[in-house]
Amino acid sequence: AEGYGASKAALTYFAHALRADLAPEGIDVVVVSPGFVKTPLTDRNDFPMPFLVSAEDAAGRIVKGLRQGRNEIAFPRRFTWTLKALGALPQGLIDRMAASMSRKSRNEQETNG
């Protein structure tokens, strides 16, 4: 999760910088941030995936956003707004919440298993 989240944040930041840099050339840069999409890859996940959408639904939302000329396409909205609301919380609280959901340490695994 750490590598995925960090790479997604870096790619989003890079895309925003590219958008500003390429605008004078008439080149659009669109950032697409889907929530969980049902695919063979996500079928292997062993954790809850709230607001899971089908690949067909995701594709339709992306096409619609592109046709509307949007430069940010994020869905589903319930998931997007939930993440934004969580991001507005104090960092200490976010850290405690994330730690409670993360994998167990080796010591906890040995104690419980």
PDB file of N, CA and C in Angstrom:
ATOM      1  N   ALA A   1       0.824  -1.196   0.000  1.00  0.00           N
ATOM      2  CA  ALA A   1       0.000   0.000   0.000  1.00  0.00           C
ATOM      3  C   ALA A   1       0.867   1.259   0.000  1.00  0.00           C
ATOM      4  N   GLU A   2       1.984   1.201   0.703  1.00  0.00           N
ATOM      5  CA  GLU A   2       2.832   2.388   0.778  1.00  0.00           C
ATOM      6  C   GLU A   2       3.370   2.769  -0.593  1.00  0.00           C
ATOM      7  N   GLY A   3       3.891   1.789  -1.315  1.00  0.00           N
ATOM      8  CA  GLY A   3       4.443   2.060  -2.643  1.00  0.00           C
ATOM      9  C   GLY A   3       3.371   2.496  -3.620  1.00  0.00           C
ATOM     10  N   TYR A   4       2.191   1.883  -3.537  1.00  0.00           N
ATOM     11  CA  TYR A   4       1.094   2.239  -4.427  1.00  0.00           C
ATOM     12  C   TYR A   4       0.657   3.681  -4.167  1.00  0.00           C
ATOM     13  N   GLY A   5       0.441   4.009  -2.896  1.00  0.00           N
ATOM     14  CA  GLY A   5      -0.011   5.358  -2.551  1.00  0.00           C
ATOM     15  C   GLY A   5       1.007   6.419  -2.921  1.00  0.00           C
ATOM     16  N   ALA A   6       2.281   6.143  -2.653  1.00  0.00           N
ATOM     17  CA  ALA A   6       3.326   7.114  -2.967  1.00  0.00           C
ATOM     18  C   ALA A   6       3.470   7.310  -4.474  1.00  0.00           C
ATOM     19  N   SER A   7       3.415   6.225  -5.234  1.00  0.00           N
ATOM     20  CA  SER A   7       3.557   6.352  -6.685  1.00  0.00           C
ATOM     21  C   SER A   7       2.350   7.059  -7.294  1.00  0.00           C
ATOM     22  N   LYS A   8       1.152   6.814  -6.746  1.00  0.00           N
ATOM     23  CA  LYS A   8      -0.060   7.479  -7.245  1.00  0.00           C
ATOM     24  C   LYS A   8       0.013   8.977  -6.961  1.00  0.00           C
ATOM     25  N   ALA A   9       0.463   9.344  -5.768  1.00  0.00           N
ATOM     26  CA  ALA A   9       0.596  10.762  -5.418  1.00  0.00           C
ATOM     27  C   ALA A   9       1.647  11.439  -6.300  1.00  0.00           C
ATOM     28  N   ALA A  10       2.758  10.753  -6.532  1.00  0.00           N
ATOM     29  CA  ALA A  10       3.808  11.318  -7.378  1.00  0.00           C
ATOM     30  C   ALA A  10       3.325  11.496  -8.814  1.00  0.00           C
ATOM     31  N   LEU A  11       2.618  10.517  -9.325  1.00  0.00           N
ATOM     32  CA  LEU A  11       2.102  10.600 -10.691  1.00  0.00           C
ATOM     33  C   LEU A  11       1.084  11.730 -10.832  1.00  0.00           C
ATOM     34  N   THR A  12       0.229  11.908  -9.829  1.00  0.00           N
ATOM     35  CA  THR A  12      -0.747  12.994  -9.854  1.00  0.00           C
ATOM     36  C   THR A  12      -0.045  14.344  -9.832  1.00  0.00           C
ATOM     37  N   TYR A  13       0.935  14.492  -8.983  1.00  0.00           N
ATOM     38  CA  TYR A  13       1.690  15.741  -8.908  1.00  0.00           C
ATOM     39  C   TYR A  13       2.394  16.016 -10.240  1.00  0.00           C
ATOM     40  N   PHE A  14       2.998  14.985 -10.813  1.00  0.00           N
ATOM     41  CA  PHE A  14       3.689  15.110 -12.095  1.00  0.00           C
ATOM     42  C   PHE A  14       2.716  15.528 -13.199  1.00  0.00           C
ATOM     43  N   ALA A  15       1.530  14.921 -13.204  1.00  0.00           N
ATOM     44  CA  ALA A  15       0.524  15.262 -14.214  1.00  0.00           C
ATOM     45  C   ALA A  15       0.078  16.714 -14.082  1.00  0.00           C
ATOM     46  N   HIS A  16      -0.098  17.195 -12.852  1.00  0.00           N
ATOM     47  CA  HIS A  16      -0.484  18.588 -12.653  1.00  0.00           C
ATOM     48  C   HIS A  16       0.611  19.522 -13.165  1.00  0.00           C
ATOM     49  N   ALA A  17       1.859  19.180 -12.912  1.00  0.00           N
ATOM     50  CA  ALA A  17       2.965  19.997 -13.412  1.00  0.00           C
ATOM     51  C   ALA A  17       3.017  19.959 -14.935  1.00  0.00           C
ATOM     52  N   LEU A  18       2.809  18.778 -15.515  1.00  0.00           N
ATOM     53  CA  LEU A  18       2.789  18.654 -16.977  1.00  0.00           C
ATOM     54  C   LEU A  18       1.661  19.474 -17.595  1.00  0.00           C
ATOM     55  N   ARG A  19       0.500  19.457 -16.929  1.00  0.00           N
ATOM     56  CA  ARG A  19      -0.648  20.208 -17.440  1.00  0.00           C
ATOM     57  C   ARG A  19      -0.278  21.678 -17.614  1.00  0.00           C
ATOM     58  N   ALA A  20       0.336  22.253 -16.597  1.00  0.00           N
ATOM     59  CA  ALA A  20       0.730  23.664 -16.661  1.00  0.00           C
ATOM     60  C   ALA A  20       1.792  23.884 -17.732  1.00  0.00           C
ATOM     61  N   ASP A  21       2.731  22.962 -17.828  1.00  0.00           N
ATOM     62  CA  ASP A  21       3.835  23.099 -18.783  1.00  0.00           C
ATOM     63  C   ASP A  21       3.383  22.908 -20.229  1.00  0.00           C
ATOM     64  N   LEU A  22       2.434  22.019 -20.457  1.00  0.00           N
ATOM     65  CA  LEU A  22       2.022  21.691 -21.823  1.00  0.00           C
ATOM     66  C   LEU A  22       0.820  22.488 -22.331  1.00  0.00           C
ATOM     67  N   ALA A  23       0.154  23.224 -21.452  1.00  0.00           N
ATOM     68  CA  ALA A  23      -1.019  24.003 -21.856  1.00  0.00           C
ATOM     69  C   ALA A  23      -0.717  24.959 -23.013  1.00  0.00           C
ATOM     70  N   PRO A  24       0.419  25.675 -23.001  1.00  0.00           N
ATOM     71  CA  PRO A  24       0.697  26.577 -24.120  1.00  0.00           C
ATOM     72  C   PRO A  24       0.840  25.860 -25.467  1.00  0.00           C
ATOM     73  N   GLU A  25       1.118  24.562 -25.422  1.00  0.00           N
ATOM     74  CA  GLU A  25       1.257  23.768 -26.643  1.00  0.00           C
ATOM     75  C   GLU A  25      -0.081  23.201 -27.109  1.00  0.00           C
ATOM     76  N   GLY A  26      -1.130  23.446 -26.326  1.00  0.00           N
ATOM     77  CA  GLY A  26      -2.449  22.913 -26.665  1.00  0.00           C
ATOM     78  C   GLY A  26      -2.616  21.450 -26.303  1.00  0.00           C
ATOM     79  N   ILE A  27      -1.763  20.956 -25.413  1.00  0.00           N
ATOM     80  CA  ILE A  27      -1.830  19.557 -24.995  1.00  0.00           C
ATOM     81  C   ILE A  27      -2.522  19.480 -23.643  1.00  0.00           C
ATOM     82  N   ASP A  28      -3.608  18.707 -23.573  1.00  0.00           N
ATOM     83  CA  ASP A  28      -4.347  18.514 -22.335  1.00  0.00           C
ATOM     84  C   ASP A  28      -3.778  17.331 -21.560  1.00  0.00           C
ATOM     85  N   VAL A  29      -3.723  17.474 -20.265  1.00  0.00           N
ATOM     86  CA  VAL A  29      -3.323  16.384 -19.384  1.00  0.00           C
ATOM     87  C   VAL A  29      -4.490  16.145 -18.428  1.00  0.00           C
ATOM     88  N   VAL A  30      -4.982  14.927 -18.408  1.00  0.00           N
ATOM     89  CA  VAL A  30      -6.133  14.568 -17.585  1.00  0.00           C
ATOM     90  C   VAL A  30      -5.678  13.573 -16.518  1.00  0.00           C
ATOM     91  N   VAL A  31      -6.042  13.848 -15.279  1.00  0.00           N
ATOM     92  CA  VAL A  31      -5.744  12.940 -14.177  1.00  0.00           C
ATOM     93  C   VAL A  31      -7.003  12.128 -13.888  1.00  0.00           C
ATOM     94  N   VAL A  32      -6.892  10.821 -13.978  1.00  0.00           N
ATOM     95  CA  VAL A  32      -8.006   9.921 -13.696  1.00  0.00           C
ATOM     96  C   VAL A  32      -7.692   9.190 -12.391  1.00  0.00           C
ATOM     97  N   SER A  33      -8.584   9.341 -11.424  1.00  0.00           N
ATOM     98  CA  SER A  33      -8.408   8.713 -10.113  1.00  0.00           C
ATOM     99  C   SER A  33      -9.627   7.858  -9.791  1.00  0.00           C
ATOM    100  N   PRO A  34      -9.604   6.618 -10.272  1.00  0.00           N
ATOM    101  CA  PRO A  34     -10.737   5.741  -9.966  1.00  0.00           C
ATOM    102  C   PRO A  34     -10.598   5.163  -8.565  1.00  0.00           C
ATOM    103  N   GLY A  35     -11.731   4.813  -8.012  1.00  0.00           N
ATOM    104  CA  GLY A  35     -11.704   4.040  -6.773  1.00  0.00           C
ATOM    105  C   GLY A  35     -11.382   2.598  -7.145  1.00  0.00           C
ATOM    106  N   PHE A  36     -11.988   1.665  -6.452  1.00  0.00           N
ATOM    107  CA  PHE A  36     -11.743   0.258  -6.741  1.00  0.00           C
ATOM    108  C   PHE A  36     -12.566  -0.181  -7.951  1.00  0.00           C
ATOM    109  N   VAL A  37     -11.883  -0.804  -8.906  1.00  0.00           N
ATOM    110  CA  VAL A  37     -12.523  -1.296 -10.129  1.00  0.00           C
ATOM    111  C   VAL A  37     -12.402  -2.813 -10.145  1.00  0.00           C
ATOM    112  N   LYS A  38     -13.509  -3.494 -10.380  1.00  0.00           N
ATOM    113  CA  LYS A  38     -13.508  -4.958 -10.394  1.00  0.00           C
ATOM    114  C   LYS A  38     -12.764  -5.465 -11.632  1.00  0.00           C
ATOM    115  N   THR A  39     -11.640  -6.092 -11.394  1.00  0.00           N
ATOM    116  CA  THR A  39     -10.810  -6.671 -12.446  1.00  0.00           C
ATOM    117  C   THR A  39     -10.225  -7.986 -11.916  1.00  0.00           C
ATOM    118  N   PRO A  40      -9.585  -8.779 -12.772  1.00  0.00           N
ATOM    119  CA  PRO A  40      -8.919  -9.981 -12.253  1.00  0.00           C
ATOM    120  C   PRO A  40      -7.870  -9.653 -11.177  1.00  0.00           C
ATOM    121  N   LEU A  41      -7.244  -8.475 -11.260  1.00  0.00           N
ATOM    122  CA  LEU A  41      -6.250  -8.095 -10.257  1.00  0.00           C
ATOM    123  C   LEU A  41      -6.922  -7.798  -8.917  1.00  0.00           C
ATOM    124  N   THR A  42      -8.013  -7.010  -8.925  1.00  0.00           N
ATOM    125  CA  THR A  42      -8.676  -6.709  -7.655  1.00  0.00           C
ATOM    126  C   THR A  42      -9.423  -7.919  -7.106  1.00  0.00           C
ATOM    127  N   ASP A  43      -9.743  -8.883  -7.944  1.00  0.00           N
ATOM    128  CA  ASP A  43     -10.374 -10.120  -7.459  1.00  0.00           C
ATOM    129  C   ASP A  43      -9.464 -10.844  -6.471  1.00  0.00           C
ATOM    130  N   ARG A  44      -8.160 -10.598  -6.553  1.00  0.00           N
ATOM    131  CA  ARG A  44      -7.199 -11.254  -5.662  1.00  0.00           C
ATOM    132  C   ARG A  44      -7.022 -10.519  -4.335  1.00  0.00           C
ATOM    133  N   ASN A  45      -7.585  -9.324  -4.207  1.00  0.00           N
ATOM    134  CA  ASN A  45      -7.436  -8.566  -2.968  1.00  0.00           C
ATOM    135  C   ASN A  45      -8.142  -9.279  -1.826  1.00  0.00           C
ATOM    136  N   ASP A  46      -7.520  -9.234  -0.649  1.00  0.00           N
ATOM    137  CA  ASP A  46      -8.103  -9.880   0.520  1.00  0.00           C
ATOM    138  C   ASP A  46      -8.565  -8.852   1.554  1.00  0.00           C
ATOM    139  N   PHE A  47      -8.941  -7.673   1.074  1.00  0.00           N
ATOM    140  CA  PHE A  47      -9.400  -6.611   1.962  1.00  0.00           C
ATOM    141  C   PHE A  47     -10.662  -5.991   1.372  1.00  0.00           C
ATOM    142  N   PRO A  48     -11.441  -5.301   2.202  1.00  0.00           N
ATOM    143  CA  PRO A  48     -12.674  -4.682   1.698  1.00  0.00           C
ATOM    144  C   PRO A  48     -12.362  -3.599   0.662  1.00  0.00           C
ATOM    145  N   MET A  49     -13.182  -3.531  -0.363  1.00  0.00           N
ATOM    146  CA  MET A  49     -13.024  -2.511  -1.408  1.00  0.00           C
ATOM    147  C   MET A  49     -14.350  -1.755  -1.527  1.00  0.00           C
ATOM    148  N   PRO A  50     -14.486  -0.687  -0.739  1.00  0.00           N
ATOM    149  CA  PRO A  50     -15.765   0.028  -0.742  1.00  0.00           C
ATOM    150  C   PRO A  50     -16.072   0.664  -2.093  1.00  0.00           C
ATOM    151  N   PHE A  51     -17.347   0.680  -2.430  1.00  0.00           N
ATOM    152  CA  PHE A  51     -17.846   1.328  -3.644  1.00  0.00           C
ATOM    153  C   PHE A  51     -17.222   0.744  -4.915  1.00  0.00           C
ATOM    154  N   LEU A  52     -16.976  -0.559  -4.917  1.00  0.00           N
ATOM    155  CA  LEU A  52     -16.397  -1.256  -6.065  1.00  0.00           C
ATOM    156  C   LEU A  52     -17.279  -1.035  -7.299  1.00  0.00           C
ATOM    157  N   VAL A  53     -16.658  -0.668  -8.426  1.00  0.00           N
ATOM    158  CA  VAL A  53     -17.402  -0.468  -9.678  1.00  0.00           C
ATOM    159  C   VAL A  53     -16.887  -1.454 -10.722  1.00  0.00           C
ATOM    160  N   SER A  54     -17.721  -1.760 -11.691  1.00  0.00           N
ATOM    161  CA  SER A  54     -17.307  -2.654 -12.768  1.00  0.00           C
ATOM    162  C   SER A  54     -16.355  -1.921 -13.715  1.00  0.00           C
ATOM    163  N   ALA A  55     -15.610  -2.683 -14.481  1.00  0.00           N
ATOM    164  CA  ALA A  55     -14.708  -2.084 -15.465  1.00  0.00           C
ATOM    165  C   ALA A  55     -15.495  -1.297 -16.506  1.00  0.00           C
ATOM    166  N   GLU A  56     -16.661  -1.803 -16.871  1.00  0.00           N
ATOM    167  CA  GLU A  56     -17.503  -1.115 -17.857  1.00  0.00           C
ATOM    168  C   GLU A  56     -17.979   0.228 -17.317  1.00  0.00           C
ATOM    169  N   ASP A  57     -18.396   0.248 -16.052  1.00  0.00           N
ATOM    170  CA  ASP A  57     -18.841   1.487 -15.422  1.00  0.00           C
ATOM    171  C   ASP A  57     -17.682   2.478 -15.345  1.00  0.00           C
ATOM    172  N   ALA A  58     -16.508   2.002 -14.943  1.00  0.00           N
ATOM    173  CA  ALA A  58     -15.332   2.872 -14.865  1.00  0.00           C
ATOM    174  C   ALA A  58     -15.008   3.475 -16.225  1.00  0.00           C
ATOM    175  N   ALA A  59     -15.019   2.646 -17.259  1.00  0.00           N
ATOM    176  CA  ALA A  59     -14.721   3.141 -18.608  1.00  0.00           C
ATOM    177  C   ALA A  59     -15.736   4.196 -19.031  1.00  0.00           C
ATOM    178  N   GLY A  60     -17.015   3.960 -18.738  1.00  0.00           N
ATOM    179  CA  GLY A  60     -18.053   4.925 -19.084  1.00  0.00           C
ATOM    180  C   GLY A  60     -17.853   6.257 -18.381  1.00  0.00           C
ATOM    181  N   ARG A  61     -17.463   6.213 -17.118  1.00  0.00           N
ATOM    182  CA  ARG A  61     -17.231   7.444 -16.354  1.00  0.00           C
ATOM    183  C   ARG A  61     -16.029   8.212 -16.917  1.00  0.00           C
ATOM    184  N   ILE A  62     -14.998   7.476 -17.319  1.00  0.00           N
ATOM    185  CA  ILE A  62     -13.817   8.132 -17.886  1.00  0.00           C
ATOM    186  C   ILE A  62     -14.162   8.786 -19.219  1.00  0.00           C
ATOM    187  N   VAL A  63     -14.845   8.062 -20.082  1.00  0.00           N
ATOM    188  CA  VAL A  63     -15.236   8.615 -21.386  1.00  0.00           C
ATOM    189  C   VAL A  63     -16.113   9.848 -21.199  1.00  0.00           C
ATOM    190  N   LYS A  64     -17.078   9.766 -20.281  1.00  0.00           N
ATOM    191  CA  LYS A  64     -17.964  10.909 -20.023  1.00  0.00           C
ATOM    192  C   LYS A  64     -17.154  12.126 -19.563  1.00  0.00           C
ATOM    193  N   GLY A  65     -16.229  11.918 -18.652  1.00  0.00           N
ATOM    194  CA  GLY A  65     -15.387  13.010 -18.162  1.00  0.00           C
ATOM    195  C   GLY A  65     -14.539  13.628 -19.265  1.00  0.00           C
ATOM    196  N   LEU A  66     -13.999  12.775 -20.141  1.00  0.00           N
ATOM    197  CA  LEU A  66     -13.209  13.282 -21.261  1.00  0.00           C
ATOM    198  C   LEU A  66     -14.073  14.104 -22.219  1.00  0.00           C
ATOM    199  N   ARG A  67     -15.261  13.604 -22.506  1.00  0.00           N
ATOM    200  CA  ARG A  67     -16.176  14.327 -23.406  1.00  0.00           C
ATOM    201  C   ARG A  67     -16.583  15.680 -22.828  1.00  0.00           C
ATOM    202  N   GLN A  68     -16.667  15.748 -21.504  1.00  0.00           N
ATOM    203  CA  GLN A  68     -17.025  17.005 -20.844  1.00  0.00           C
ATOM    204  C   GLN A  68     -15.831  17.953 -20.722  1.00  0.00           C
ATOM    205  N   GLY A  69     -14.663  17.495 -21.145  1.00  0.00           N
ATOM    206  CA  GLY A  69     -13.472  18.334 -21.098  1.00  0.00           C
ATOM    207  C   GLY A  69     -12.876  18.504 -19.711  1.00  0.00           C
ATOM    208  N   ARG A  70     -13.180  17.578 -18.832  1.00  0.00           N
ATOM    209  CA  ARG A  70     -12.655  17.681 -17.471  1.00  0.00           C
ATOM    210  C   ARG A  70     -11.168  17.354 -17.435  1.00  0.00           C
ATOM    211  N   ASN A  71     -10.441  18.028 -16.556  1.00  0.00           N
ATOM    212  CA  ASN A  71      -9.015  17.717 -16.418  1.00  0.00           C
ATOM    213  C   ASN A  71      -8.746  16.865 -15.180  1.00  0.00           C
ATOM    214  N   GLU A  72      -9.799  16.609 -14.382  1.00  0.00           N
ATOM    215  CA  GLU A  72      -9.732  15.700 -13.237  1.00  0.00           C
ATOM    216  C   GLU A  72     -10.963  14.808 -13.298  1.00  0.00           C
ATOM    217  N   ILE A  73     -10.757  13.515 -13.285  1.00  0.00           N
ATOM    218  CA  ILE A  73     -11.861  12.559 -13.286  1.00  0.00           C
ATOM    219  C   ILE A  73     -11.634  11.625 -12.105  1.00  0.00           C
ATOM    220  N   ALA A  74     -12.492  11.747 -11.096  1.00  0.00           N
ATOM    221  CA  ALA A  74     -12.362  10.915  -9.903  1.00  0.00           C
ATOM    222  C   ALA A  74     -13.726  10.308  -9.594  1.00  0.00           C
ATOM    223  N   PHE A  75     -13.742   9.039  -9.289  1.00  0.00           N
ATOM    224  CA  PHE A  75     -15.004   8.347  -9.006  1.00  0.00           C
ATOM    225  C   PHE A  75     -14.730   7.101  -8.184  1.00  0.00           C
ATOM    226  N   PRO A  76     -15.751   6.536  -7.563  1.00  0.00           N
ATOM    227  CA  PRO A  76     -17.073   7.092  -7.338  1.00  0.00           C
ATOM    228  C   PRO A  76     -17.005   8.245  -6.348  1.00  0.00           C
ATOM    229  N   ARG A  77     -17.954   9.152  -6.452  1.00  0.00           N
ATOM    230  CA  ARG A  77     -17.907  10.379  -5.646  1.00  0.00           C
ATOM    231  C   ARG A  77     -17.942  10.097  -4.155  1.00  0.00           C
ATOM    232  N   ARG A  78     -18.728   9.103  -3.732  1.00  0.00           N
ATOM    233  CA  ARG A  78     -18.780   8.786  -2.290  1.00  0.00           C
ATOM    234  C   ARG A  78     -17.384   8.433  -1.778  1.00  0.00           C
ATOM    235  N   PHE A  79     -16.630   7.685  -2.566  1.00  0.00           N
ATOM    236  CA  PHE A  79     -15.276   7.288  -2.181  1.00  0.00           C
ATOM    237  C   PHE A  79     -14.355   8.501  -2.188  1.00  0.00           C
ATOM    238  N   THR A  80     -14.449   9.316  -3.237  1.00  0.00           N
ATOM    239  CA  THR A  80     -13.608  10.507  -3.372  1.00  0.00           C
ATOM    240  C   THR A  80     -13.836  11.466  -2.213  1.00  0.00           C
ATOM    241  N   TRP A  81     -15.113  11.729  -1.884  1.00  0.00           N
ATOM    242  CA  TRP A  81     -15.422  12.658  -0.796  1.00  0.00           C
ATOM    243  C   TRP A  81     -15.006  12.084   0.553  1.00  0.00           C
ATOM    244  N   THR A  82     -15.134  10.784   0.721  1.00  0.00           N
ATOM    245  CA  THR A  82     -14.702  10.164   1.976  1.00  0.00           C
ATOM    246  C   THR A  82     -13.199  10.357   2.165  1.00  0.00           C
ATOM    247  N   LEU A  83     -12.424  10.133   1.110  1.00  0.00           N
ATOM    248  CA  LEU A  83     -10.974  10.313   1.208  1.00  0.00           C
ATOM    249  C   LEU A  83     -10.604  11.763   1.480  1.00  0.00           C
ATOM    250  N   LYS A  84     -11.303  12.697   0.828  1.00  0.00           N
ATOM    251  CA  LYS A  84     -11.031  14.126   1.063  1.00  0.00           C
ATOM    252  C   LYS A  84     -11.353  14.498   2.511  1.00  0.00           C
ATOM    253  N   ALA A  85     -12.470  13.994   3.030  1.00  0.00           N
ATOM    254  CA  ALA A  85     -12.843  14.285   4.415  1.00  0.00           C
ATOM    255  C   ALA A  85     -11.808  13.710   5.385  1.00  0.00           C
ATOM    256  N   LEU A  86     -11.377  12.480   5.126  1.00  0.00           N
ATOM    257  CA  LEU A  86     -10.350  11.879   5.986  1.00  0.00           C
ATOM    258  C   LEU A  86      -9.046  12.672   5.911  1.00  0.00           C
ATOM    259  N   GLY A  87      -8.712  13.163   4.723  1.00  0.00           N
ATOM    260  CA  GLY A  87      -7.484  13.938   4.546  1.00  0.00           C
ATOM    261  C   GLY A  87      -7.504  15.268   5.282  1.00  0.00           C
ATOM    262  N   ALA A  88      -8.690  15.753   5.646  1.00  0.00           N
ATOM    263  CA  ALA A  88      -8.813  17.021   6.363  1.00  0.00           C
ATOM    264  C   ALA A  88      -8.642  16.851   7.871  1.00  0.00           C
ATOM    265  N   LEU A  89      -8.583  15.606   8.336  1.00  0.00           N
ATOM    266  CA  LEU A  89      -8.421  15.354   9.764  1.00  0.00           C
ATOM    267  C   LEU A  89      -6.993  15.673  10.202  1.00  0.00           C
ATOM    268  N   PRO A  90      -6.772  15.896  11.504  1.00  0.00           N
ATOM    269  CA  PRO A  90      -5.411  16.124  12.000  1.00  0.00           C
ATOM    270  C   PRO A  90      -4.511  14.928  11.690  1.00  0.00           C
ATOM    271  N   GLN A  91      -3.268  15.193  11.342  1.00  0.00           N
ATOM    272  CA  GLN A  91      -2.348  14.136  10.917  1.00  0.00           C
ATOM    273  C   GLN A  91      -2.171  13.053  11.974  1.00  0.00           C
ATOM    274  N   GLY A  92      -2.140  13.432  13.248  1.00  0.00           N
ATOM    275  CA  GLY A  92      -1.992  12.426  14.313  1.00  0.00           C
ATOM    276  C   GLY A  92      -3.133  11.422  14.314  1.00  0.00           C
ATOM    277  N   LEU A  93      -4.342  11.901  14.087  1.00  0.00           N
ATOM    278  CA  LEU A  93      -5.503  11.019  14.027  1.00  0.00           C
ATOM    279  C   LEU A  93      -5.441  10.128  12.791  1.00  0.00           C
ATOM    280  N   ILE A  94      -5.039  10.700  11.664  1.00  0.00           N
ATOM    281  CA  ILE A  94      -4.879   9.913  10.434  1.00  0.00           C
ATOM    282  C   ILE A  94      -3.849   8.804  10.660  1.00  0.00           C
ATOM    283  N   ASP A  95      -2.745   9.143  11.292  1.00  0.00           N
ATOM    284  CA  ASP A  95      -1.698   8.145  11.544  1.00  0.00           C
ATOM    285  C   ASP A  95      -2.210   7.002  12.418  1.00  0.00           C
ATOM    286  N   ARG A  96      -2.966   7.330  13.480  1.00  0.00           N
ATOM    287  CA  ARG A  96      -3.503   6.281  14.360  1.00  0.00           C
ATOM    288  C   ARG A  96      -4.507   5.400  13.616  1.00  0.00           C
ATOM    289  N   MET A  97      -5.362   6.023  12.796  1.00  0.00           N
ATOM    290  CA  MET A  97      -6.340   5.250  12.028  1.00  0.00           C
ATOM    291  C   MET A  97      -5.630   4.325  11.040  1.00  0.00           C
ATOM    292  N   ALA A  98      -4.628   4.848  10.351  1.00  0.00           N
ATOM    293  CA  ALA A  98      -3.899   4.040   9.372  1.00  0.00           C
ATOM    294  C   ALA A  98      -3.175   2.888  10.056  1.00  0.00           C
ATOM    295  N   ALA A  99      -2.582   3.156  11.210  1.00  0.00           N
ATOM    296  CA  ALA A  99      -1.862   2.103  11.932  1.00  0.00           C
ATOM    297  C   ALA A  99      -2.812   0.996  12.376  1.00  0.00           C
ATOM    298  N   SER A 100      -4.033   1.353  12.740  1.00  0.00           N
ATOM    299  CA  SER A 100      -4.981   0.326  13.184  1.00  0.00           C
ATOM    300  C   SER A 100      -5.439  -0.559  12.030  1.00  0.00           C
ATOM    301  N   MET A 101      -5.319  -0.072  10.791  1.00  0.00           N
ATOM    302  CA  MET A 101      -5.751  -0.843   9.629  1.00  0.00           C
ATOM    303  C   MET A 101      -4.603  -1.556   8.916  1.00  0.00           C
ATOM    304  N   SER A 102      -3.371  -1.262   9.312  1.00  0.00           N
ATOM    305  CA  SER A 102      -2.226  -1.826   8.595  1.00  0.00           C
ATOM    306  C   SER A 102      -1.939  -3.254   9.041  1.00  0.00           C
ATOM    307  N   ARG A 103      -0.986  -3.846   8.366  1.00  0.00           N
ATOM    308  CA  ARG A 103      -0.618  -5.221   8.687  1.00  0.00           C
ATOM    309  C   ARG A 103      -0.045  -5.273  10.094  1.00  0.00           C
ATOM    310  N   LYS A 104      -0.111  -6.440  10.694  1.00  0.00           N
ATOM    311  CA  LYS A 104       0.410  -6.611  12.047  1.00  0.00           C
ATOM    312  C   LYS A 104       1.930  -6.759  12.006  1.00  0.00           C
ATOM    313  N   SER A 105       2.593  -6.318  13.069  1.00  0.00           N
ATOM    314  CA  SER A 105       4.031  -6.484  13.167  1.00  0.00           C
ATOM    315  C   SER A 105       4.363  -7.952  13.388  1.00  0.00           C
ATOM    316  N   ARG A 106       5.603  -8.318  13.218  1.00  0.00           N
ATOM    317  CA  ARG A 106       6.009  -9.713  13.437  1.00  0.00           C
ATOM    318  C   ARG A 106       5.741 -10.141  14.875  1.00  0.00           C
ATOM    319  N   ASN A 107       5.989  -9.226  15.828  1.00  0.00           N
ATOM    320  CA  ASN A 107       5.733  -9.554  17.237  1.00  0.00           C
ATOM    321  C   ASN A 107       4.276  -9.855  17.480  1.00  0.00           C
ATOM    322  N   GLU A 108       3.365  -9.052  16.902  1.00  0.00           N
ATOM    323  CA  GLU A 108       1.935  -9.301  17.068  1.00  0.00           C
ATOM    324  C   GLU A 108       1.528 -10.614  16.406  1.00  0.00           C
ATOM    325  N   GLN A 109       2.120 -10.927  15.253  1.00  0.00           N
ATOM    326  CA  GLN A 109       1.802 -12.171  14.562  1.00  0.00           C
ATOM    327  C   GLN A 109       2.243 -13.365  15.377  1.00  0.00           C
ATOM    328  N   GLU A 110       3.435 -13.301  16.000  1.00  0.00           N
ATOM    329  CA  GLU A 110       3.933 -14.398  16.817  1.00  0.00           C
ATOM    330  C   GLU A 110       3.090 -14.581  18.075  1.00  0.00           C
ATOM    331  N   THR A 111       2.657 -13.461  18.672  1.00  0.00           N
ATOM    332  CA  THR A 111       1.848 -13.508  19.878  1.00  0.00           C
ATOM    333  C   THR A 111       0.466 -14.093  19.596  1.00  0.00           C
ATOM    334  N   ASN A 112      -0.129 -13.678  18.467  1.00  0.00           N
ATOM    335  CA  ASN A 112      -1.486 -14.110  18.143  1.00  0.00           C
ATOM    336  C   ASN A 112      -1.538 -15.390  17.320  1.00  0.00           C
ATOM    337  N   GLY A 113      -0.457 -15.805  16.786  1.00  0.00           N
ATOM    338  CA  GLY A 113      -0.548 -16.923  15.877  1.00  0.00           C
ATOM    339  C   GLY A 113       0.256 -18.073  16.258  1.00  0.00           C
TER     340      GLY A 113
END
